């Protein structure tokens, strides 16, 4: 028996979620006394994964898996699960992973629990806690299949170093004879991606125009954060749609979410509710966001944000 972790990468480098999944898998593997195996596709440098408790890495290098296609990736992971007798598969909560999980569940007749937060409540039968109703509640889910899949909610467990002597095994690619070809992948060019960010700084219509977005960018640069925006901002073309967060945009599960000039429509709040600490800066004390925020600042963003940046820089240089 073994546990299999699908470690996602981008441009040949592991995503932050890969290290969180490895940390999570290590904790379960130690409890069960089983091997923790990871699978990666076209990974340039596997060494960083060793620090997070992986016993064995199966690396598949082939031009056919250079771009993510769900059937191709599912076929390769299914083969490894069967070869290594894996009974538990760990995935992240990225868009690709949520696309991949149902396909794996069908291929392996496996149970699947998405949006899992924290370690299993019990292992026999496998019982996990999940967030539901757009992160407004939790439920307990019991998986009784022979093989089960856990989709771990981003930033819900954390990253913990637990160095192991990791062996690397070259895996052979499964030929699925697919005619699907990825022509182009367009990605946002921000310094920190929303999915991997510990801190997200978001702006709304209170910024009054795209010419004032330097306030968001300057604060994000100071904090090492990703930038985001509300739906009206992306609809008006102030910012690209790749930065739109909320129920109809990208979900956010950061450790700190700072909303500047965002009123807090219910769809926006639903999409960022998994963030651990929420801060709002808004001139309107009746803005709905204040009811959902952990900390609120009633004030003009054009005065508050520059002063906040100045204080943060002074604190760091002290």
Protein backbone atom coordinates (compact mmCIF):
# COMPACT_ATOMS: atom_id res chain seq x y z
CA UNK A 1 0.00 0.00 0.00
CA UNK A 2 1.13 3.56 -0.68
CA UNK A 3 -0.11 7.15 -0.87
CA UNK A 4 0.26 8.98 -4.19
CA UNK A 5 0.64 12.76 -4.47
CA UNK A 6 0.17 14.57 -7.78
CA UNK A 7 2.65 17.45 -7.62
CA UNK A 8 1.77 20.26 -10.00
CA UNK A 9 4.44 22.40 -11.61
CA UNK A 10 4.65 25.44 -13.83
CA UNK A 11 7.47 26.16 -16.26
CA UNK A 12 9.31 23.13 -14.87
CA UNK A 13 9.14 24.29 -11.23
CA UNK A 14 6.96 22.94 -8.44
CA UNK A 15 4.00 25.04 -7.37
CA UNK A 16 3.57 25.92 -3.71
CA UNK A 17 0.65 23.48 -3.56
CA UNK A 18 3.05 20.60 -4.29
CA UNK A 19 4.93 21.26 -1.05
CA UNK A 20 1.72 21.59 0.95
CA UNK A 21 0.42 18.30 -0.46
CA UNK A 22 3.74 16.59 0.30
CA UNK A 23 3.59 17.86 3.90
CA UNK A 24 0.00 16.70 4.21
CA UNK A 25 0.76 13.30 2.70
CA UNK A 26 3.76 12.81 4.98
CA UNK A 27 1.60 13.27 8.07
CA UNK A 28 -0.88 10.63 6.85
CA UNK A 29 1.85 8.24 5.65
CA UNK A 30 3.58 8.38 9.04
CA UNK A 31 0.29 7.54 10.72
CA UNK A 32 -0.31 4.56 8.45
CA UNK A 33 3.33 3.49 8.13
CA UNK A 34 3.21 3.46 4.30
CA UNK A 35 5.32 4.83 1.47
CA UNK A 36 4.64 8.34 0.17
CA UNK A 37 5.04 8.52 -3.61
CA UNK A 38 4.84 11.64 -5.78
CA UNK A 39 4.31 11.91 -9.53
CA UNK A 40 5.43 14.88 -11.60
CA UNK A 41 5.39 15.75 -15.29
CA UNK A 42 8.35 17.39 -17.06
CA UNK A 43 9.83 18.67 -13.82
CA UNK A 44 13.22 20.34 -14.30
CA UNK A 45 14.49 20.22 -10.71
CA UNK A 46 12.97 17.52 -8.45
CA UNK A 47 15.37 18.19 -5.56
CA UNK A 48 13.21 20.77 -3.65
CA UNK A 49 10.52 18.15 -3.09
CA UNK A 50 12.87 16.01 -1.01
CA UNK A 51 12.63 18.44 1.91
CA UNK A 52 8.92 17.76 2.41
CA UNK A 53 8.84 14.04 3.10
CA UNK A 54 8.48 12.31 -0.27
CA UNK A 55 9.97 8.80 -0.30
CA UNK A 56 9.89 8.26 -4.03
CA UNK A 57 9.30 10.54 -7.01
CA UNK A 58 8.07 9.12 -10.30
CA UNK A 59 9.02 11.59 -12.98
CA UNK A 60 7.43 11.45 -16.43
CA UNK A 61 9.29 13.42 -19.07
CA UNK A 62 7.73 13.47 -22.51
CA UNK A 63 6.63 16.15 -25.00
CA UNK A 64 3.13 14.65 -25.02
CA UNK A 65 2.58 15.75 -21.40
CA UNK A 66 4.20 19.16 -21.70
CA UNK A 67 0.76 20.80 -21.46
CA UNK A 68 -1.99 19.62 -19.16
CA UNK A 69 -4.75 17.60 -20.82
CA UNK A 70 -7.04 15.77 -18.43
CA UNK A 71 -7.31 12.44 -20.27
CA UNK A 72 -3.56 12.17 -20.80
CA UNK A 73 -2.67 13.02 -17.22
CA UNK A 74 -5.44 10.82 -15.81
CA UNK A 75 -4.24 7.84 -17.86
CA UNK A 76 -0.67 8.22 -16.60
CA UNK A 77 -1.66 8.67 -12.96
CA UNK A 78 -4.11 5.75 -13.15
CA UNK A 79 -1.31 3.48 -14.38
CA UNK A 80 0.97 4.50 -11.50
CA UNK A 81 -1.81 4.04 -8.91
CA UNK A 82 -2.36 0.49 -10.17
CA UNK A 83 1.35 -0.35 -10.34
CA UNK A 84 2.14 1.00 -6.87
CA UNK A 85 -1.05 -0.25 -5.18
CA UNK A 86 -1.87 3.27 -4.00
CA UNK A 87 -5.04 3.45 -1.92
CA UNK A 88 -5.06 7.20 -1.37
CA UNK A 89 -4.45 9.90 -3.99
CA UNK A 90 -3.82 13.50 -2.97
CA UNK A 91 -4.60 16.43 -5.25
CA UNK A 92 -4.67 20.19 -4.77
CA UNK A 93 -7.68 22.43 -5.36
CA UNK A 94 -6.38 24.04 -8.54
CA UNK A 95 -8.61 24.25 -11.61
CA UNK A 96 -6.60 21.47 -13.28
CA UNK A 97 -6.79 19.22 -10.23
CA UNK A 98 -10.56 19.68 -9.95
CA UNK A 99 -10.83 18.73 -13.61
CA UNK A 100 -8.56 15.72 -13.09
CA UNK A 101 -10.12 14.28 -9.92
CA UNK A 102 -13.48 13.15 -11.36
CA UNK A 103 -11.73 11.49 -14.29
CA UNK A 104 -9.46 9.58 -11.91
CA UNK A 105 -12.42 8.66 -9.71
CA UNK A 106 -14.21 7.10 -12.69
CA UNK A 107 -11.08 5.31 -13.96
CA UNK A 108 -10.27 3.84 -10.55
CA UNK A 109 -13.80 3.45 -9.12
CA UNK A 110 -12.55 5.72 -6.36
CA UNK A 111 -14.28 7.93 -3.83
CA UNK A 112 -13.55 11.66 -4.07
CA UNK A 113 -13.80 14.40 -1.45
CA UNK A 114 -13.08 17.96 -2.62
CA UNK A 115 -12.30 21.07 -0.56
CA UNK A 116 -10.87 19.04 2.32
CA UNK A 117 -9.52 21.07 5.23
CA UNK A 118 -7.11 19.45 7.67
CA UNK A 119 -6.00 15.90 8.28
CA UNK A 120 -8.54 13.04 8.16
CA UNK A 121 -10.70 12.80 11.25
CA UNK A 122 -10.20 9.04 11.09
CA UNK A 123 -8.52 6.67 8.64
CA UNK A 124 -10.77 3.60 8.92
CA UNK A 125 -13.11 4.36 7.28
CA UNK A 126 -11.54 7.47 5.77
CA UNK A 127 -13.41 10.47 7.18
CA UNK A 128 -12.59 14.05 6.27
CA UNK A 129 -13.83 17.55 6.99
CA UNK A 130 -14.82 19.63 3.95
CA UNK A 131 -15.79 23.24 3.41
CA UNK A 132 -19.14 23.71 1.66
CA UNK A 133 -21.76 26.30 0.71
CA UNK A 134 -19.05 28.62 -0.67
CA UNK A 135 -17.02 28.23 2.53
CA UNK A 136 -19.86 29.25 4.84
CA UNK A 137 -20.05 25.84 6.52
CA UNK A 138 -18.30 22.51 6.96
CA UNK A 139 -19.44 18.94 6.53
CA UNK A 140 -18.02 15.54 7.41
CA UNK A 141 -17.55 13.12 4.53
CA UNK A 142 -16.92 9.37 4.82
CA UNK A 143 -15.18 7.55 1.94
CA UNK A 144 -15.55 3.77 1.93
CA UNK A 145 -14.11 2.85 -1.48
CA UNK A 146 -10.99 0.72 -1.82
CA UNK A 147 -9.23 3.70 -3.45
CA UNK A 148 -10.00 7.28 -2.40
CA UNK A 149 -9.05 10.75 -3.61
CA UNK A 150 -8.63 13.81 -1.42
CA UNK A 151 -8.67 17.30 -2.91
CA UNK A 152 -6.92 19.48 -0.33
CA UNK A 153 -8.11 23.06 -0.04
CA UNK A 154 -5.23 25.47 -0.69
CA UNK A 155 -3.50 26.94 2.38
CA UNK A 156 -5.59 24.77 4.70
CA UNK A 157 -2.77 22.60 6.07
CA UNK A 158 0.49 24.52 5.65
CA UNK A 159 4.00 23.62 4.53
CA UNK A 160 6.29 21.69 6.87
CA UNK A 161 9.80 20.48 6.15
CA UNK A 162 10.46 16.80 6.86
CA UNK A 163 13.49 15.79 4.86
CA UNK A 164 13.66 12.24 3.48
CA UNK A 165 16.07 10.40 1.24
CA UNK A 166 14.00 10.61 -1.93
CA UNK A 167 14.58 8.16 -4.75
CA UNK A 168 13.74 9.22 -8.31
CA UNK A 169 12.21 6.82 -10.79
CA UNK A 170 11.69 7.60 -14.47
CA UNK A 171 8.16 6.72 -15.50
CA UNK A 172 7.06 5.78 -18.99
CA UNK A 173 4.33 7.81 -20.64
CA UNK A 174 1.00 6.18 -21.49
CA UNK A 175 0.06 6.57 -25.15
CA UNK A 176 -3.61 7.55 -25.24
CA UNK A 177 -3.64 8.37 -28.97
CA UNK A 178 -5.37 11.69 -28.23
CA UNK A 179 -6.00 14.15 -31.02
CA UNK A 180 -6.30 17.06 -28.59
CA UNK A 181 -3.51 19.63 -28.91
CA UNK A 182 -2.94 22.72 -26.76
CA UNK A 183 -2.24 25.58 -29.16
CA UNK A 184 -1.58 28.35 -26.67
CA UNK A 185 -1.68 28.99 -22.92
CA UNK A 186 -2.19 32.57 -21.76
CA UNK A 187 -1.16 33.41 -18.23
CA UNK A 188 -1.13 36.53 -16.11
CA UNK A 189 2.29 38.09 -15.71
CA UNK A 190 2.10 39.10 -12.05
CA UNK A 191 5.07 38.47 -9.78
CA UNK A 192 3.00 36.27 -7.46
CA UNK A 193 0.08 34.15 -8.67
CA UNK A 194 -3.24 34.36 -6.85
CA UNK A 195 -3.40 30.59 -6.39
CA UNK A 196 -0.01 30.38 -4.66
CA UNK A 197 -0.11 33.66 -2.74
CA UNK A 198 -0.01 33.85 1.05
CA UNK A 199 -1.15 37.47 0.79
CA UNK A 200 -3.52 38.99 -1.78
CA UNK A 201 -4.17 42.71 -2.24
CA UNK A 202 -7.38 43.40 -4.13
CA UNK A 203 -8.88 46.59 -5.51
CA UNK A 204 -12.38 47.66 -6.44
CA UNK A 205 -14.22 50.57 -8.01
CA UNK A 206 -13.17 52.74 -5.10
CA UNK A 207 -9.83 53.19 -6.90
CA UNK A 208 -11.79 55.35 -9.41
CA UNK A 209 -9.74 54.30 -12.44
CA UNK A 210 -6.89 52.14 -13.78
CA UNK A 211 -4.49 55.06 -13.48
CA UNK A 212 -4.64 54.66 -9.69
CA UNK A 213 -3.83 50.95 -9.65
CA UNK A 214 -0.27 51.73 -8.60
CA UNK A 215 -1.65 51.91 -5.04
CA UNK A 216 -2.57 48.22 -5.19
CA UNK A 217 0.67 47.26 -6.91
CA UNK A 218 2.85 49.25 -4.50
CA UNK A 219 1.17 47.70 -1.46
CA UNK A 220 1.45 44.23 -3.02
CA UNK A 221 5.14 44.75 -3.79
CA UNK A 222 5.77 45.86 -0.22
CA UNK A 223 4.07 42.75 1.17
CA UNK A 224 5.26 40.30 -1.47
CA UNK A 225 1.63 39.75 -2.38
CA UNK A 226 -0.43 38.94 -5.46
CA UNK A 227 -2.78 41.55 -6.93
CA UNK A 228 -6.46 40.92 -7.57
CA UNK A 229 -9.63 42.83 -8.36
CA UNK A 230 -13.41 42.72 -8.10
CA UNK A 231 -15.65 41.72 -11.01
CA UNK A 232 -16.74 45.28 -11.94
CA UNK A 233 -13.08 46.28 -12.23
CA UNK A 234 -12.29 43.49 -14.69
CA UNK A 235 -15.59 44.05 -16.56
CA UNK A 236 -14.64 47.71 -17.10
CA UNK A 237 -11.25 46.66 -18.45
CA UNK A 238 -9.22 48.26 -15.69
CA UNK A 239 -7.56 44.93 -14.93
CA UNK A 240 -7.32 41.58 -16.77
CA UNK A 241 -9.96 38.94 -16.04
CA UNK A 242 -7.19 36.68 -14.72
CA UNK A 243 -7.13 38.92 -11.60
CA UNK A 244 -10.88 38.76 -10.97
CA UNK A 245 -11.54 36.96 -7.68
CA UNK A 246 -14.84 35.88 -6.20
CA UNK A 247 -17.51 33.26 -6.74
CA UNK A 248 -17.55 33.94 -10.50
CA UNK A 249 -13.78 34.43 -10.68
CA UNK A 250 -10.81 32.81 -8.99
CA UNK A 251 -11.31 31.54 -5.44
CA UNK A 252 -8.88 32.87 -2.85
CA UNK A 253 -7.66 30.98 0.21
CA UNK A 254 -4.80 33.22 1.27
CA UNK A 255 -3.53 33.75 4.79
CA UNK A 256 -4.19 37.50 4.44
CA UNK A 257 -6.64 39.19 2.06
CA UNK A 258 -6.65 42.99 1.85
CA UNK A 259 -9.54 44.62 -0.02
CA UNK A 260 -9.10 48.25 -1.01
CA UNK A 261 -12.16 50.10 -2.26
CA UNK A 262 -14.15 46.87 -2.59
CA UNK A 263 -17.74 47.19 -1.35
CA UNK A 264 -18.14 43.44 -0.80
CA UNK A 265 -20.86 42.01 -3.04
CA UNK A 266 -22.05 38.60 -1.89
CA UNK A 267 -20.39 36.87 -4.87
CA UNK A 268 -17.05 38.47 -4.03
CA UNK A 269 -17.26 37.53 -0.36
CA UNK A 270 -18.19 33.94 -1.24
CA UNK A 271 -15.05 33.57 -3.32
CA UNK A 272 -12.61 34.92 -0.73
CA UNK A 273 -14.24 33.54 2.41
CA UNK A 274 -11.57 30.82 2.81
CA UNK A 275 -8.92 33.46 3.48
CA UNK A 276 -7.79 33.28 7.09
CA UNK A 277 -7.59 37.02 7.83
CA UNK A 278 -9.59 39.59 5.85
CA UNK A 279 -8.88 43.33 5.97
CA UNK A 280 -10.98 46.00 4.28
CA UNK A 281 -10.11 49.64 3.56
CA UNK A 282 -13.15 51.62 2.44
CA UNK A 283 -14.43 55.16 2.81
CA UNK A 284 -18.02 53.91 3.24
CA UNK A 285 -18.60 52.59 6.80
CA UNK A 286 -21.78 50.82 5.56
CA UNK A 287 -19.93 48.74 2.95
CA UNK A 288 -20.99 45.07 3.30
CA UNK A 289 -17.34 43.96 3.44
CA UNK A 290 -17.00 45.33 6.99
CA UNK A 291 -19.42 42.65 8.26
CA UNK A 292 -17.20 39.88 6.83
CA UNK A 293 -13.80 41.41 7.63
CA UNK A 294 -11.62 40.62 10.62
CA UNK A 295 -10.19 44.15 10.54
CA UNK A 296 -11.59 47.27 8.91
CA UNK A 297 -10.27 50.74 8.20
CA UNK A 298 -12.82 53.46 7.42
CA UNK A 299 -10.95 55.99 5.37
CA UNK A 300 -9.95 57.27 1.95
CA UNK A 301 -7.77 54.66 0.20
CA UNK A 302 -5.74 57.44 -1.41
CA UNK A 303 -4.66 58.54 2.07
CA UNK A 304 -4.66 55.24 3.98
CA UNK A 305 -2.74 53.04 1.51
CA UNK A 306 0.30 55.33 1.00
CA UNK A 307 0.58 55.75 4.77
CA UNK A 308 0.28 52.00 5.28
CA UNK A 309 3.03 51.38 2.71
CA UNK A 310 5.26 53.92 4.44
CA UNK A 311 4.69 52.29 7.85
CA UNK A 312 5.38 48.80 6.47
CA UNK A 313 8.62 49.91 4.84
CA UNK A 314 9.72 51.64 8.05
CA UNK A 315 8.91 48.51 10.05
CA UNK A 316 10.95 46.31 7.70
CA UNK A 317 13.95 48.59 7.75
CA UNK A 318 13.89 48.94 11.55
